[in-house]
Amino acid sequence: GAGTSAVARGDYGVRLQAQGHDELAQLAQAFNHMATSLQAAQTAR
């Protein structure tokens, strides 16, 4: 939730620690991928 709030404020450099291989770890990895894509899109823009 803290990472999502940071992205909503425009801070695309935030990353989560993906611990393990469960659904929450997969969700953290998907969040990091989304943040990376948004950061790349912001830089490209």
ModelCIF file with pLDDT and N, C-alpha, C, O atoms, coordinates in Angstrom:
data_MODEL
#
_entry.id   MODEL 
#
_entity.id                         1 
_entity.type                       polymer 
_entity.pdbx_number_of_molecules   1 
#
_entity_poly.entity_id                      1 
_entity_poly.type                           'polypeptide(L)' 
_entity_poly.nstd_linkage                   no 
_entity_poly.nstd_monomer                   no 
_entity_poly.pdbx_seq_one_letter_code       GAGTSAVARGDYGVRLQAQGHDELAQLAQAFNHMATSLQAAQTAR 
_entity_poly.pdbx_seq_one_letter_code_can   GAGTSAVARGDYGVRLQAQGHDELAQLAQAFNHMATSLQAAQTAR 
_entity_poly.pdbx_strand_id                 A 
#
loop_
_entity_poly_seq.entity_id 
_entity_poly_seq.num 
_entity_poly_seq.mon_id 
_entity_poly_seq.hetero 
1 1  GLY n 
1 2  ALA n 
1 3  GLY n 
1 4  THR n 
1 5  SER n 
1 6  ALA n 
1 7  VAL n 
1 8  ALA n 
1 9  ARG n 
1 10 GLY n 
1 11 ASP n 
1 12 TYR n 
1 13 GLY n 
1 14 VAL n 
1 15 ARG n 
1 16 LEU n 
1 17 GLN n 
1 18 ALA n 
1 19 GLN n 
1 20 GLY n 
1 21 HIS n 
1 22 ASP n 
1 23 GLU n 
1 24 LEU n 
1 25 ALA n 
1 26 GLN n 
1 27 LEU n 
1 28 ALA n 
1 29 GLN n 
1 30 ALA n 
1 31 PHE n 
1 32 ASN n 
1 33 HIS n 
1 34 MET n 
1 35 ALA n 
1 36 THR n 
1 37 SER n 
1 38 LEU n 
1 39 GLN n 
1 40 ALA n 
1 41 ALA n 
1 42 GLN n 
1 43 THR n 
1 44 ALA n 
1 45 ARG n 
#
_struct_asym.id          A 
_struct_asym.entity_id   1 
#
loop_
_ma_qa_metric.id 
_ma_qa_metric.mode 
_ma_qa_metric.name 
_ma_qa_metric.software_group_id 
_ma_qa_metric.type 
1 global pLDDT . pLDDT 
2 local  pLDDT . pLDDT 
#
_ma_qa_metric_global.metric_id      1 
_ma_qa_metric_global.metric_value   86.33 
_ma_qa_metric_global.model_id       1 
_ma_qa_metric_global.ordinal_id     1 
#
loop_
_ma_qa_metric_local.label_asym_id 
_ma_qa_metric_local.label_comp_id 
_ma_qa_metric_local.label_seq_id 
_ma_qa_metric_local.metric_id 
_ma_qa_metric_local.metric_value 
_ma_qa_metric_local.model_id 
_ma_qa_metric_local.ordinal_id 
A GLY 1  2 85.00 1 1  
A ALA 2  2 88.00 1 2  
A GLY 3  2 89.00 1 3  
A THR 4  2 89.00 1 4  
A SER 5  2 90.00 1 5  
A ALA 6  2 90.00 1 6  
A VAL 7  2 89.00 1 7  
A ALA 8  2 89.00 1 8  
A ARG 9  2 90.00 1 9  
A GLY 10 2 88.00 1 10 
A ASP 11 2 90.00 1 11 
A TYR 12 2 88.00 1 12 
A GLY 13 2 90.00 1 13 
A VAL 14 2 90.00 1 14 
A ARG 15 2 90.00 1 15 
A LEU 16 2 88.00 1 16 
A GLN 17 2 84.00 1 17 
A ALA 18 2 80.00 1 18 
A GLN 19 2 77.00 1 19 
A GLY 20 2 76.00 1 20 
A HIS 21 2 79.00 1 21 
A ASP 22 2 77.00 1 22 
A GLU 23 2 80.00 1 23 
A LEU 24 2 79.00 1 24 
A ALA 25 2 83.00 1 25 
A GLN 26 2 85.00 1 26 
A LEU 27 2 86.00 1 27 
A ALA 28 2 87.00 1 28 
A GLN 29 2 89.00 1 29 
A ALA 30 2 91.00 1 30 
A PHE 31 2 90.00 1 31 
A ASN 32 2 91.00 1 32 
A HIS 33 2 91.00 1 33 
A MET 34 2 92.00 1 34 
A ALA 35 2 91.00 1 35 
A THR 36 2 91.00 1 36 
A SER 37 2 90.00 1 37 
A LEU 38 2 90.00 1 38 
A GLN 39 2 89.00 1 39 
A ALA 40 2 85.00 1 40 
A ALA 41 2 84.00 1 41 
A GLN 42 2 86.00 1 42 
A THR 43 2 84.00 1 43 
A ALA 44 2 76.00 1 44 
A ARG 45 2 79.00 1 45 
#
loop_
_atom_site.group_PDB 
_atom_site.id 
_atom_site.type_symbol 
_atom_site.label_atom_id 
_atom_site.label_alt_id 
_atom_site.label_comp_id 
_atom_site.label_asym_id 
_atom_site.label_entity_id 
_atom_site.label_seq_id 
_atom_site.pdbx_PDB_ins_code 
_atom_site.Cartn_x 
_atom_site.Cartn_y 
_atom_site.Cartn_z 
_atom_site.occupancy 
_atom_site.B_iso_or_equiv 
_atom_site.pdbx_formal_charge 
_atom_site.auth_seq_id 
_atom_site.auth_comp_id 
_atom_site.auth_asym_id 
_atom_site.auth_atom_id 
_atom_site.pdbx_PDB_model_num 
ATOM 1   N N  . GLY A 1 1  ? 0.814  -1.213  0.000   1.00 85.00 ? 1  GLY A N  1 
ATOM 2   C CA . GLY A 1 1  ? 0.000  0.000   0.000   1.00 85.00 ? 1  GLY A CA 1 
ATOM 3   C C  . GLY A 1 1  ? 0.844  1.257   0.000   1.00 85.00 ? 1  GLY A C  1 
ATOM 4   O O  . GLY A 1 1  ? 0.518  2.231   -0.678  1.00 85.00 ? 1  GLY A O  1 
ATOM 5   N N  . ALA A 1 2  ? 1.951  1.238   0.774   1.00 88.00 ? 2  ALA A N  1 
ATOM 6   C CA . ALA A 1 2  ? 2.835  2.405   0.788   1.00 88.00 ? 2  ALA A CA 1 
ATOM 7   C C  . ALA A 1 2  ? 3.472  2.625   -0.585  1.00 88.00 ? 2  ALA A C  1 
ATOM 8   O O  . ALA A 1 2  ? 3.594  3.761   -1.043  1.00 88.00 ? 2  ALA A O  1 
ATOM 9   N N  . GLY A 1 3  ? 3.876  1.533   -1.236  1.00 89.00 ? 3  GLY A N  1 
ATOM 10  C CA . GLY A 1 3  ? 4.444  1.667   -2.575  1.00 89.00 ? 3  GLY A CA 1 
ATOM 11  C C  . GLY A 1 3  ? 3.437  2.195   -3.585  1.00 89.00 ? 3  GLY A C  1 
ATOM 12  O O  . GLY A 1 3  ? 3.777  3.019   -4.434  1.00 89.00 ? 3  GLY A O  1 
ATOM 13  N N  . THR A 1 4  ? 2.187  1.719   -3.494  1.00 89.00 ? 4  THR A N  1 
ATOM 14  C CA . THR A 1 4  ? 1.142  2.205   -4.401  1.00 89.00 ? 4  THR A CA 1 
ATOM 15  C C  . THR A 1 4  ? 0.891  3.689   -4.196  1.00 89.00 ? 4  THR A C  1 
ATOM 16  O O  . THR A 1 4  ? 0.711  4.430   -5.163  1.00 89.00 ? 4  THR A O  1 
ATOM 17  N N  . SER A 1 5  ? 0.880  4.123   -2.949  1.00 90.00 ? 5  SER A N  1 
ATOM 18  C CA . SER A 1 5  ? 0.680  5.547   -2.676  1.00 90.00 ? 5  SER A CA 1 
ATOM 19  C C  . SER A 1 5  ? 1.823  6.377   -3.238  1.00 90.00 ? 5  SER A C  1 
ATOM 20  O O  . SER A 1 5  ? 1.609  7.475   -3.752  1.00 90.00 ? 5  SER A O  1 
ATOM 21  N N  . ALA A 1 6  ? 3.053  5.842   -3.139  1.00 90.00 ? 6  ALA A N  1 
ATOM 22  C CA . ALA A 1 6  ? 4.196  6.574   -3.684  1.00 90.00 ? 6  ALA A CA 1 
ATOM 23  C C  . ALA A 1 6  ? 4.088  6.713   -5.204  1.00 90.00 ? 6  ALA A C  1 
ATOM 24  O O  . ALA A 1 6  ? 4.375  7.774   -5.758  1.00 90.00 ? 6  ALA A O  1 
ATOM 25  N N  . VAL A 1 7  ? 3.669  5.626   -5.880  1.00 89.00 ? 7  VAL A N  1 
ATOM 26  C CA . VAL A 1 7  ? 3.492  5.699   -7.334  1.00 89.00 ? 7  VAL A CA 1 
ATOM 27  C C  . VAL A 1 7  ? 2.394  6.686   -7.693  1.00 89.00 ? 7  VAL A C  1 
ATOM 28  O O  . VAL A 1 7  ? 2.514  7.425   -8.670  1.00 89.00 ? 7  VAL A O  1 
ATOM 29  N N  . ALA A 1 8  ? 1.309  6.701   -6.895  1.00 89.00 ? 8  ALA A N  1 
ATOM 30  C CA . ALA A 1 8  ? 0.222  7.643   -7.166  1.00 89.00 ? 8  ALA A CA 1 
ATOM 31  C C  . ALA A 1 8  ? 0.682  9.093   -7.035  1.00 89.00 ? 8  ALA A C  1 
ATOM 32  O O  . ALA A 1 8  ? 0.133  9.986   -7.682  1.00 89.00 ? 8  ALA A O  1 
ATOM 33  N N  . ARG A 1 9  ? 1.703  9.324   -6.186  1.00 90.00 ? 9  ARG A N  1 
ATOM 34  C CA . ARG A 1 9  ? 2.243  10.685  -6.043  1.00 90.00 ? 9  ARG A CA 1 
ATOM 35  C C  . ARG A 1 9  ? 3.260  11.012  -7.137  1.00 90.00 ? 9  ARG A C  1 
ATOM 36  O O  . ARG A 1 9  ? 3.752  12.138  -7.202  1.00 90.00 ? 9  ARG A O  1 
ATOM 37  N N  . GLY A 1 10 ? 3.581  10.045  -7.993  1.00 88.00 ? 10 GLY A N  1 
ATOM 38  C CA . GLY A 1 10 ? 4.527  10.290  -9.075  1.00 88.00 ? 10 GLY A CA 1 
ATOM 39  C C  . GLY A 1 10 ? 5.931  9.823   -8.791  1.00 88.00 ? 10 GLY A C  1 
ATOM 40  O O  . GLY A 1 10 ? 6.835  10.084  -9.584  1.00 88.00 ? 10 GLY A O  1 
ATOM 41  N N  . ASP A 1 11 ? 6.146  9.130   -7.667  1.00 90.00 ? 11 ASP A N  1 
ATOM 42  C CA . ASP A 1 11 ? 7.460  8.596   -7.339  1.00 90.00 ? 11 ASP A CA 1 
ATOM 43  C C  . ASP A 1 11 ? 7.575  7.196   -7.931  1.00 90.00 ? 11 ASP A C  1 
ATOM 44  O O  . ASP A 1 11 ? 7.176  6.212   -7.308  1.00 90.00 ? 11 ASP A O  1 
ATOM 45  N N  . TYR A 1 12 ? 8.126  7.119   -9.148  1.00 88.00 ? 12 TYR A N  1 
ATOM 46  C CA . TYR A 1 12 ? 8.224  5.841   -9.845  1.00 88.00 ? 12 TYR A CA 1 
ATOM 47  C C  . TYR A 1 12 ? 9.510  5.080   -9.511  1.00 88.00 ? 12 TYR A C  1 
ATOM 48  O O  . TYR A 1 12 ? 9.751  4.005   -10.061 1.00 88.00 ? 12 TYR A O  1 
ATOM 49  N N  . GLY A 1 13 ? 10.323 5.620   -8.627  1.00 90.00 ? 13 GLY A N  1 
ATOM 50  C CA . GLY A 1 13 ? 11.554 4.942   -8.246  1.00 90.00 ? 13 GLY A CA 1 
ATOM 51  C C  . GLY A 1 13 ? 11.383 3.980   -7.085  1.00 90.00 ? 13 GLY A C  1 
ATOM 52  O O  . GLY A 1 13 ? 12.341 3.307   -6.704  1.00 90.00 ? 13 GLY A O  1 
ATOM 53  N N  . VAL A 1 14 ? 10.183 3.898   -6.510  1.00 90.00 ? 14 VAL A N  1 
ATOM 54  C CA . VAL A 1 14 ? 9.963  3.011   -5.371  1.00 90.00 ? 14 VAL A CA 1 
ATOM 55  C C  . VAL A 1 14 ? 9.941  1.561   -5.839  1.00 90.00 ? 14 VAL A C  1 
ATOM 56  O O  . VAL A 1 14 ? 9.421  1.254   -6.912  1.00 90.00 ? 14 VAL A O  1 
ATOM 57  N N  . ARG A 1 15 ? 10.514 0.665   -5.021  1.00 90.00 ? 15 ARG A N  1 
ATOM 58  C CA . ARG A 1 15 ? 10.527 -0.766  -5.334  1.00 90.00 ? 15 ARG A CA 1 
ATOM 59  C C  . ARG A 1 15 ? 10.200 -1.546  -4.055  1.00 90.00 ? 15 ARG A C  1 
ATOM 60  O O  . ARG A 1 15 ? 10.516 -1.112  -2.947  1.00 90.00 ? 15 ARG A O  1 
ATOM 61  N N  . LEU A 1 16 ? 9.569  -2.689  -4.234  1.00 88.00 ? 16 LEU A N  1 
ATOM 62  C CA . LEU A 1 16 ? 9.203  -3.553  -3.114  1.00 88.00 ? 16 LEU A CA 1 
ATOM 63  C C  . LEU A 1 16 ? 10.138 -4.756  -3.069  1.00 88.00 ? 16 LEU A C  1 
ATOM 64  O O  . LEU A 1 16 ? 10.679 -5.177  -4.092  1.00 88.00 ? 16 LEU A O  1 
ATOM 65  N N  . GLN A 1 17 ? 10.317 -5.299  -1.874  1.00 84.00 ? 17 GLN A N  1 
ATOM 66  C CA . GLN A 1 17 ? 11.118 -6.511  -1.705  1.00 84.00 ? 17 GLN A CA 1 
ATOM 67  C C  . GLN A 1 17 ? 10.217 -7.725  -1.931  1.00 84.00 ? 17 GLN A C  1 
ATOM 68  O O  . GLN A 1 17 ? 9.287  -7.972  -1.163  1.00 84.00 ? 17 GLN A O  1 
ATOM 69  N N  . ALA A 1 18 ? 10.503 -8.475  -2.988  1.00 80.00 ? 18 ALA A N  1 
ATOM 70  C CA . ALA A 1 18 ? 9.721  -9.672  -3.306  1.00 80.00 ? 18 ALA A CA 1 
ATOM 71  C C  . ALA A 1 18 ? 10.346 -10.863 -2.591  1.00 80.00 ? 18 ALA A C  1 
ATOM 72  O O  . ALA A 1 18 ? 11.315 -11.452 -3.070  1.00 80.00 ? 18 ALA A O  1 
ATOM 73  N N  . GLN A 1 19 ? 9.776  -11.211 -1.431  1.00 77.00 ? 19 GLN A N  1 
ATOM 74  C CA . GLN A 1 19 ? 10.299 -12.310 -0.628  1.00 77.00 ? 19 GLN A CA 1 
ATOM 75  C C  . GLN A 1 19 ? 9.481  -13.569 -0.866  1.00 77.00 ? 19 GLN A C  1 
ATOM 76  O O  . GLN A 1 19 ? 8.260  -13.562 -0.710  1.00 77.00 ? 19 GLN A O  1 
ATOM 77  N N  . GLY A 1 20 ? 10.153 -14.646 -1.244  1.00 76.00 ? 20 GLY A N  1 
ATOM 78  C CA . GLY A 1 20 ? 9.475  -15.912 -1.453  1.00 76.00 ? 20 GLY A CA 1 
ATOM 79  C C  . GLY A 1 20 ? 8.936  -16.042 -2.864  1.00 76.00 ? 20 GLY A C  1 
ATOM 80  O O  . GLY A 1 20 ? 9.329  -15.311 -3.773  1.00 76.00 ? 20 GLY A O  1 
ATOM 81  N N  . HIS A 1 21 ? 8.013  -17.003 -3.025  1.00 79.00 ? 21 HIS A N  1 
ATOM 82  C CA . HIS A 1 21 ? 7.436  -17.274 -4.335  1.00 79.00 ? 21 HIS A CA 1 
ATOM 83  C C  . HIS A 1 21 ? 5.915  -17.370 -4.275  1.00 79.00 ? 21 HIS A C  1 
ATOM 84  O O  . HIS A 1 21 ? 5.294  -17.908 -5.192  1.00 79.00 ? 21 HIS A O  1 
ATOM 85  N N  . ASP A 1 22 ? 5.312  -16.857 -3.210  1.00 77.00 ? 22 ASP A N  1 
ATOM 86  C CA . ASP A 1 22 ? 3.865  -16.943 -3.090  1.00 77.00 ? 22 ASP A CA 1 
ATOM 87  C C  . ASP A 1 22 ? 3.203  -15.833 -3.884  1.00 77.00 ? 22 ASP A C  1 
ATOM 88  O O  . ASP A 1 22 ? 3.865  -15.077 -4.595  1.00 77.00 ? 22 ASP A O  1 
ATOM 89  N N  . GLU A 1 23 ? 1.861  -15.744 -3.750  1.00 80.00 ? 23 GLU A N  1 
ATOM 90  C CA . GLU A 1 23 ? 1.106  -14.765 -4.530  1.00 80.00 ? 23 GLU A CA 1 
ATOM 91  C C  . GLU A 1 23 ? 1.496  -13.333 -4.178  1.00 80.00 ? 23 GLU A C  1 
ATOM 92  O O  . GLU A 1 23 ? 1.539  -12.470 -5.054  1.00 80.00 ? 23 GLU A O  1 
ATOM 93  N N  . LEU A 1 24 ? 1.781  -13.073 -2.893  1.00 79.00 ? 24 LEU A N  1 
ATOM 94  C CA . LEU A 1 24 ? 2.184  -11.723 -2.505  1.00 79.00 ? 24 LEU A CA 1 
ATOM 95  C C  . LEU A 1 24 ? 3.551  -11.368 -3.103  1.00 79.00 ? 24 LEU A C  1 
ATOM 96  O O  . LEU A 1 24 ? 3.777  -10.222 -3.493  1.00 79.00 ? 24 LEU A O  1 
ATOM 97  N N  . ALA A 1 25 ? 4.457  -12.343 -3.177  1.00 83.00 ? 25 ALA A N  1 
ATOM 98  C CA . ALA A 1 25 ? 5.745  -12.083 -3.820  1.00 83.00 ? 25 ALA A CA 1 
ATOM 99  C C  . ALA A 1 25 ? 5.562  -11.813 -5.313  1.00 83.00 ? 25 ALA A C  1 
ATOM 100 O O  . ALA A 1 25 ? 6.212  -10.928 -5.870  1.00 83.00 ? 25 ALA A O  1 
ATOM 101 N N  . GLN A 1 26 ? 4.680  -12.573 -5.958  1.00 85.00 ? 26 GLN A N  1 
ATOM 102 C CA . GLN A 1 26 ? 4.390  -12.320 -7.364  1.00 85.00 ? 26 GLN A CA 1 
ATOM 103 C C  . GLN A 1 26 ? 3.750  -10.950 -7.558  1.00 85.00 ? 26 GLN A C  1 
ATOM 104 O O  . GLN A 1 26 ? 4.037  -10.253 -8.531  1.00 85.00 ? 26 GLN A O  1 
ATOM 105 N N  . LEU A 1 27 ? 2.880  -10.570 -6.622  1.00 86.00 ? 27 LEU A N  1 
ATOM 106 C CA . LEU A 1 27 ? 2.274  -9.239  -6.702  1.00 86.00 ? 27 LEU A CA 1 
ATOM 107 C C  . LEU A 1 27 ? 3.324  -8.148  -6.547  1.00 86.00 ? 27 LEU A C  1 
ATOM 108 O O  . LEU A 1 27 ? 3.265  -7.130  -7.236  1.00 86.00 ? 27 LEU A O  1 
ATOM 109 N N  . ALA A 1 28 ? 4.292  -8.351  -5.641  1.00 87.00 ? 28 ALA A N  1 
ATOM 110 C CA . ALA A 1 28 ? 5.373  -7.379  -5.476  1.00 87.00 ? 28 ALA A CA 1 
ATOM 111 C C  . ALA A 1 28 ? 6.225  -7.285  -6.740  1.00 87.00 ? 28 ALA A C  1 
ATOM 112 O O  . ALA A 1 28 ? 6.624  -6.192  -7.142  1.00 87.00 ? 28 ALA A O  1 
ATOM 113 N N  . GLN A 1 29 ? 6.504  -8.433  -7.367  1.00 89.00 ? 29 GLN A N  1 
ATOM 114 C CA . GLN A 1 29 ? 7.270  -8.401  -8.612  1.00 89.00 ? 29 GLN A CA 1 
ATOM 115 C C  . GLN A 1 29 ? 6.513  -7.685  -9.719  1.00 89.00 ? 29 GLN A C  1 
ATOM 116 O O  . GLN A 1 29 ? 7.101  -6.922  -10.485 1.00 89.00 ? 29 GLN A O  1 
ATOM 117 N N  . ALA A 1 30 ? 5.198  -7.931  -9.808  1.00 91.00 ? 30 ALA A N  1 
ATOM 118 C CA . ALA A 1 30 ? 4.387  -7.225  -10.806 1.00 91.00 ? 30 ALA A CA 1 
ATOM 119 C C  . ALA A 1 30 ? 4.370  -5.728  -10.529 1.00 91.00 ? 30 ALA A C  1 
ATOM 120 O O  . ALA A 1 30 ? 4.412  -4.917  -11.454 1.00 91.00 ? 30 ALA A O  1 
ATOM 121 N N  . PHE A 1 31 ? 4.308  -5.365  -9.237  1.00 90.00 ? 31 PHE A N  1 
ATOM 122 C CA . PHE A 1 31 ? 4.348  -3.936  -8.889  1.00 90.00 ? 31 PHE A CA 1 
ATOM 123 C C  . PHE A 1 31 ? 5.674  -3.318  -9.314  1.00 90.00 ? 31 PHE A C  1 
ATOM 124 O O  . PHE A 1 31 ? 5.693  -2.229  -9.888  1.00 90.00 ? 31 PHE A O  1 
ATOM 125 N N  . ASN A 1 32 ? 6.788  -4.005  -9.038  1.00 91.00 ? 32 ASN A N  1 
ATOM 126 C CA . ASN A 1 32 ? 8.092  -3.478  -9.433  1.00 91.00 ? 32 ASN A CA 1 
ATOM 127 C C  . ASN A 1 32 ? 8.204  -3.332  -10.942 1.00 91.00 ? 32 ASN A C  1 
ATOM 128 O O  . ASN A 1 32 ? 8.771  -2.361  -11.443 1.00 91.00 ? 32 ASN A O  1 
ATOM 129 N N  . HIS A 1 33 ? 7.654  -4.311  -11.666 1.00 91.00 ? 33 HIS A N  1 
ATOM 130 C CA . HIS A 1 33 ? 7.668  -4.204  -13.134 1.00 91.00 ? 33 HIS A CA 1 
ATOM 131 C C  . HIS A 1 33 ? 6.847  -3.014  -13.591 1.00 91.00 ? 33 HIS A C  1 
ATOM 132 O O  . HIS A 1 33 ? 7.254  -2.284  -14.495 1.00 91.00 ? 33 HIS A O  1 
ATOM 133 N N  . MET A 1 34 ? 5.681  -2.812  -12.966 1.00 92.00 ? 34 MET A N  1 
ATOM 134 C CA . MET A 1 34 ? 4.857  -1.660  -13.326 1.00 92.00 ? 34 MET A CA 1 
ATOM 135 C C  . MET A 1 34 ? 5.576  -0.353  -13.027 1.00 92.00 ? 34 MET A C  1 
ATOM 136 O O  . MET A 1 34 ? 5.557  0.571   -13.840 1.00 92.00 ? 34 MET A O  1 
ATOM 137 N N  . ALA A 1 35 ? 6.223  -0.276  -11.840 1.00 91.00 ? 35 ALA A N  1 
ATOM 138 C CA . ALA A 1 35 ? 6.939  0.953   -11.491 1.00 91.00 ? 35 ALA A CA 1 
ATOM 139 C C  . ALA A 1 35 ? 8.097  1.207   -12.456 1.00 91.00 ? 35 ALA A C  1 
ATOM 140 O O  . ALA A 1 35 ? 8.358  2.351   -12.830 1.00 91.00 ? 35 ALA A O  1 
ATOM 141 N N  . THR A 1 36 ? 8.788  0.141   -12.858 1.00 91.00 ? 36 THR A N  1 
ATOM 142 C CA . THR A 1 36 ? 9.879  0.298   -13.822 1.00 91.00 ? 36 THR A CA 1 
ATOM 143 C C  . THR A 1 36 ? 9.361  0.803   -15.168 1.00 91.00 ? 36 THR A C  1 
ATOM 144 O O  . THR A 1 36 ? 9.967  1.676   -15.789 1.00 91.00 ? 36 THR A O  1 
ATOM 145 N N  . SER A 1 37 ? 8.232  0.242   -15.612 1.00 90.00 ? 37 SER A N  1 
ATOM 146 C CA . SER A 1 37 ? 7.649  0.679   -16.884 1.00 90.00 ? 37 SER A CA 1 
ATOM 147 C C  . SER A 1 37 ? 7.202  2.142   -16.807 1.00 90.00 ? 37 SER A C  1 
ATOM 148 O O  . SER A 1 37 ? 7.413  2.918   -17.739 1.00 90.00 ? 37 SER A O  1 
ATOM 149 N N  . LEU A 1 38 ? 6.586  2.498   -15.691 1.00 90.00 ? 38 LEU A N  1 
ATOM 150 C CA . LEU A 1 38 ? 6.153  3.895   -15.540 1.00 90.00 ? 38 LEU A CA 1 
ATOM 151 C C  . LEU A 1 38 ? 7.349  4.845   -15.483 1.00 90.00 ? 38 LEU A C  1 
ATOM 152 O O  . LEU A 1 38 ? 7.310  5.940   -16.046 1.00 90.00 ? 38 LEU A O  1 
ATOM 153 N N  . GLN A 1 39 ? 8.403  4.419   -14.803 1.00 89.00 ? 39 GLN A N  1 
ATOM 154 C CA . GLN A 1 39 ? 9.594  5.263   -14.739 1.00 89.00 ? 39 GLN A CA 1 
ATOM 155 C C  . GLN A 1 39 ? 10.225 5.418   -16.123 1.00 89.00 ? 39 GLN A C  1 
ATOM 156 O O  . GLN A 1 39 ? 10.656 6.507   -16.503 1.00 89.00 ? 39 GLN A O  1 
ATOM 157 N N  . ALA A 1 40 ? 10.271 4.311   -16.869 1.00 85.00 ? 40 ALA A N  1 
ATOM 158 C CA . ALA A 1 40 ? 10.821 4.395   -18.228 1.00 85.00 ? 40 ALA A CA 1 
ATOM 159 C C  . ALA A 1 40 ? 9.950  5.273   -19.110 1.00 85.00 ? 40 ALA A C  1 
ATOM 160 O O  . ALA A 1 40 ? 10.458 6.051   -19.918 1.00 85.00 ? 40 ALA A O  1 
ATOM 161 N N  . ALA A 1 41 ? 8.617  5.145   -18.953 1.00 84.00 ? 41 ALA A N  1 
ATOM 162 C CA . ALA A 1 41 ? 7.716  5.978   -19.755 1.00 84.00 ? 41 ALA A CA 1 
ATOM 163 C C  . ALA A 1 41 ? 7.875  7.450   -19.399 1.00 84.00 ? 41 ALA A C  1 
ATOM 164 O O  . ALA A 1 41 ? 7.848  8.313   -20.276 1.00 84.00 ? 41 ALA A O  1 
ATOM 165 N N  . GLN A 1 42 ? 8.042  7.734   -18.100 1.00 86.00 ? 42 GLN A N  1 
ATOM 166 C CA . GLN A 1 42 ? 8.242  9.128   -17.693 1.00 86.00 ? 42 GLN A CA 1 
ATOM 167 C C  . GLN A 1 42 ? 9.549  9.678   -18.256 1.00 86.00 ? 42 GLN A C  1 
ATOM 168 O O  . GLN A 1 42 ? 9.597  10.803  -18.754 1.00 86.00 ? 42 GLN A O  1 
ATOM 169 N N  . THR A 1 43 ? 10.610 8.870   -18.172 1.00 84.00 ? 43 THR A N  1 
ATOM 170 C CA . THR A 1 43 ? 11.893 9.316   -18.721 1.00 84.00 ? 43 THR A CA 1 
ATOM 171 C C  . THR A 1 43 ? 11.811 9.533   -20.230 1.00 84.00 ? 43 THR A C  1 
ATOM 172 O O  . THR A 1 43 ? 12.343 10.509  -20.759 1.00 84.00 ? 43 THR A O  1 
ATOM 173 N N  . ALA A 1 44 ? 11.127 8.591   -20.927 1.00 76.00 ? 44 ALA A N  1 
ATOM 174 C CA . ALA A 1 44 ? 10.990 8.732   -22.381 1.00 76.00 ? 44 ALA A CA 1 
ATOM 175 C C  . ALA A 1 44 ? 10.161 9.956   -22.738 1.00 76.00 ? 44 ALA A C  1 
ATOM 176 O O  . ALA A 1 44 ? 10.447 10.649  -23.714 1.00 76.00 ? 44 ALA A O  1 
ATOM 177 N N  . ARG A 1 45 ? 9.127  10.215  -21.938 1.00 79.00 ? 45 ARG A N  1 
ATOM 178 C CA . ARG A 1 45 ? 8.295  11.390  -22.221 1.00 79.00 ? 45 ARG A CA 1 
ATOM 179 C C  . ARG A 1 45 ? 9.086  12.680  -22.027 1.00 79.00 ? 45 ARG A C  1 
ATOM 180 O O  . ARG A 1 45 ? 8.546  13.769  -22.221 1.00 79.00 ? 45 ARG A O  1 
#
